[in-house]
């Protein structure tokens, strides 16, 4: 099982999101503890310089997170509306 950490900026942004989106995002992020790459959950591994960077789609919102397999830690980097882009 993975531990979940939030960057300070990601936590602040998440707290500003209104219901019912806040609850849905929180639920999906907590489910990542058991499976960091859930099938059928609109999860995608991102390509680029940084390894183990993922994006999960939750309605109109996206959450970017990094997985540290050695330490079993998922760090939520950013949660944003899809209109804001990456």
C-alpha atoms as a PDB file:
ATOM      1  CA  UNK A   1       0.000   0.000   0.000  1.00  0.00           C
ATOM      2  CA  UNK A   2       1.258   3.474  -0.910  1.00  0.00           C
ATOM      3  CA  UNK A   3       1.273   6.592   1.262  1.00  0.00           C
ATOM      4  CA  UNK A   4      -0.099   9.765  -0.298  1.00  0.00           C
ATOM      5  CA  UNK A   5       1.552  13.153   0.108  1.00  0.00           C
ATOM      6  CA  UNK A   6       0.447  16.489  -1.321  1.00  0.00           C
ATOM      7  CA  UNK A   7       2.663  19.329  -2.383  1.00  0.00           C
ATOM      8  CA  UNK A   8       1.614  22.430  -0.473  1.00  0.00           C
ATOM      9  CA  UNK A   9       0.391  24.149  -3.627  1.00  0.00           C
ATOM     10  CA  UNK A  10      -1.625  21.066  -4.650  1.00  0.00           C
ATOM     11  CA  UNK A  11      -3.307  20.849  -1.242  1.00  0.00           C
ATOM     12  CA  UNK A  12      -4.251  24.542  -1.290  1.00  0.00           C
ATOM     13  CA  UNK A  13      -5.712  24.241  -4.786  1.00  0.00           C
ATOM     14  CA  UNK A  14      -7.671  21.114  -3.898  1.00  0.00           C
ATOM     15  CA  UNK A  15      -9.266  22.831  -0.898  1.00  0.00           C
ATOM     16  CA  UNK A  16     -10.548  25.624  -3.166  1.00  0.00           C
ATOM     17  CA  UNK A  17     -12.492  23.202  -5.385  1.00  0.00           C
ATOM     18  CA  UNK A  18     -16.236  23.176  -4.742  1.00  0.00           C
ATOM     19  CA  UNK A  19     -18.452  20.181  -4.032  1.00  0.00           C
ATOM     20  CA  UNK A  20     -19.250  17.693  -5.483  1.00  0.00           C
ATOM     21  CA  UNK A  21     -15.915  17.785  -7.338  1.00  0.00           C
ATOM     22  CA  UNK A  22     -13.875  18.020  -4.138  1.00  0.00           C
ATOM     23  CA  UNK A  23     -15.301  14.761  -2.752  1.00  0.00           C
ATOM     24  CA  UNK A  24     -14.912  12.930  -6.056  1.00  0.00           C
ATOM     25  CA  UNK A  25     -11.284  14.017  -6.455  1.00  0.00           C
ATOM     26  CA  UNK A  26     -10.451  13.152  -2.847  1.00  0.00           C
ATOM     27  CA  UNK A  27     -12.026   9.707  -3.238  1.00  0.00           C
ATOM     28  CA  UNK A  28     -10.113   8.916  -6.439  1.00  0.00           C
ATOM     29  CA  UNK A  29      -6.811  10.096  -4.984  1.00  0.00           C
ATOM     30  CA  UNK A  30      -7.288   7.934  -1.880  1.00  0.00           C
ATOM     31  CA  UNK A  31      -8.029   4.919  -4.108  1.00  0.00           C
ATOM     32  CA  UNK A  32      -4.545   5.322  -5.575  1.00  0.00           C
ATOM     33  CA  UNK A  33      -3.129   3.951  -2.305  1.00  0.00           C
ATOM     34  CA  UNK A  34      -4.134   0.441  -3.362  1.00  0.00           C
ATOM     35  CA  UNK A  35      -3.458   0.765  -7.086  1.00  0.00           C
ATOM     36  CA  UNK A  36      -1.418   3.699  -8.411  1.00  0.00           C
ATOM     37  CA  UNK A  37      -2.396   2.887 -12.028  1.00  0.00           C
ATOM     38  CA  UNK A  38      -6.094   1.955 -11.971  1.00  0.00           C
ATOM     39  CA  UNK A  39      -7.404   0.327 -15.139  1.00  0.00           C
ATOM     40  CA  UNK A  40     -10.425   1.989 -16.669  1.00  0.00           C
ATOM     41  CA  UNK A  41     -10.068   5.083 -14.495  1.00  0.00           C
ATOM     42  CA  UNK A  42      -8.765   7.301 -17.266  1.00  0.00           C
ATOM     43  CA  UNK A  43      -5.265   7.086 -15.875  1.00  0.00           C
ATOM     44  CA  UNK A  44      -2.307   7.791 -18.123  1.00  0.00           C
ATOM     45  CA  UNK A  45       1.439   7.562 -17.692  1.00  0.00           C
ATOM     46  CA  UNK A  46       2.993  10.788 -18.933  1.00  0.00           C
ATOM     47  CA  UNK A  47       6.084  10.885 -21.066  1.00  0.00           C
ATOM     48  CA  UNK A  48       8.988  13.225 -20.546  1.00  0.00           C
ATOM     49  CA  UNK A  49      12.135  13.676 -18.520  1.00  0.00           C
ATOM     50  CA  UNK A  50      10.596  12.710 -15.206  1.00  0.00           C
ATOM     51  CA  UNK A  51       9.870   9.024 -14.746  1.00  0.00           C
ATOM     52  CA  UNK A  52       6.794   7.624 -13.018  1.00  0.00           C
ATOM     53  CA  UNK A  53       4.629  10.694 -13.617  1.00  0.00           C
ATOM     54  CA  UNK A  54       0.925   9.988 -14.034  1.00  0.00           C
ATOM     55  CA  UNK A  55      -2.336  11.813 -14.714  1.00  0.00           C
ATOM     56  CA  UNK A  56      -5.762  10.701 -13.574  1.00  0.00           C
ATOM     57  CA  UNK A  57      -8.932  12.194 -15.015  1.00  0.00           C
ATOM     58  CA  UNK A  58     -11.802  12.904 -12.615  1.00  0.00           C
ATOM     59  CA  UNK A  59     -14.667  14.542 -14.485  1.00  0.00           C
ATOM     60  CA  UNK A  60     -13.464  17.949 -15.690  1.00  0.00           C
ATOM     61  CA  UNK A  61     -10.458  17.824 -13.364  1.00  0.00           C
ATOM     62  CA  UNK A  62      -7.014  16.282 -13.673  1.00  0.00           C
ATOM     63  CA  UNK A  63      -4.570  15.299 -10.956  1.00  0.00           C
ATOM     64  CA  UNK A  64      -0.877  14.896 -11.691  1.00  0.00           C
ATOM     65  CA  UNK A  65       1.098  12.652  -9.392  1.00  0.00           C
ATOM     66  CA  UNK A  66       4.501  11.054  -9.046  1.00  0.00           C
ATOM     67  CA  UNK A  67       5.042   7.491  -7.826  1.00  0.00           C
ATOM     68  CA  UNK A  68       8.141   6.520  -5.842  1.00  0.00           C
ATOM     69  CA  UNK A  69       8.096   2.723  -5.976  1.00  0.00           C
ATOM     70  CA  UNK A  70      11.037   2.272  -3.615  1.00  0.00           C
ATOM     71  CA  UNK A  71       9.578   4.346  -0.787  1.00  0.00           C
ATOM     72  CA  UNK A  72       5.954   3.476  -1.658  1.00  0.00           C
ATOM     73  CA  UNK A  73       4.954   7.153  -1.821  1.00  0.00           C
ATOM     74  CA  UNK A  74       2.563   8.899  -4.195  1.00  0.00           C
ATOM     75  CA  UNK A  75       3.072  12.667  -4.338  1.00  0.00           C
ATOM     76  CA  UNK A  76       0.180  14.677  -5.734  1.00  0.00           C
ATOM     77  CA  UNK A  77       1.817  17.506  -7.652  1.00  0.00           C
ATOM     78  CA  UNK A  78      -1.166  19.395  -9.028  1.00  0.00           C
ATOM     79  CA  UNK A  79      -4.949  19.231  -9.360  1.00  0.00           C
ATOM     80  CA  UNK A  80      -6.583  21.476 -11.917  1.00  0.00           C
ATOM     81  CA  UNK A  81      -9.562  21.967 -14.205  1.00  0.00           C
ATOM     82  CA  UNK A  82      -8.908  20.597 -17.670  1.00  0.00           C
ATOM     83  CA  UNK A  83      -9.497  24.067 -19.123  1.00  0.00           C
ATOM     84  CA  UNK A  84      -6.364  25.282 -17.315  1.00  0.00           C
ATOM     85  CA  UNK A  85      -4.173  22.799 -19.222  1.00  0.00           C
ATOM     86  CA  UNK A  86      -0.872  21.326 -18.208  1.00  0.00           C
END
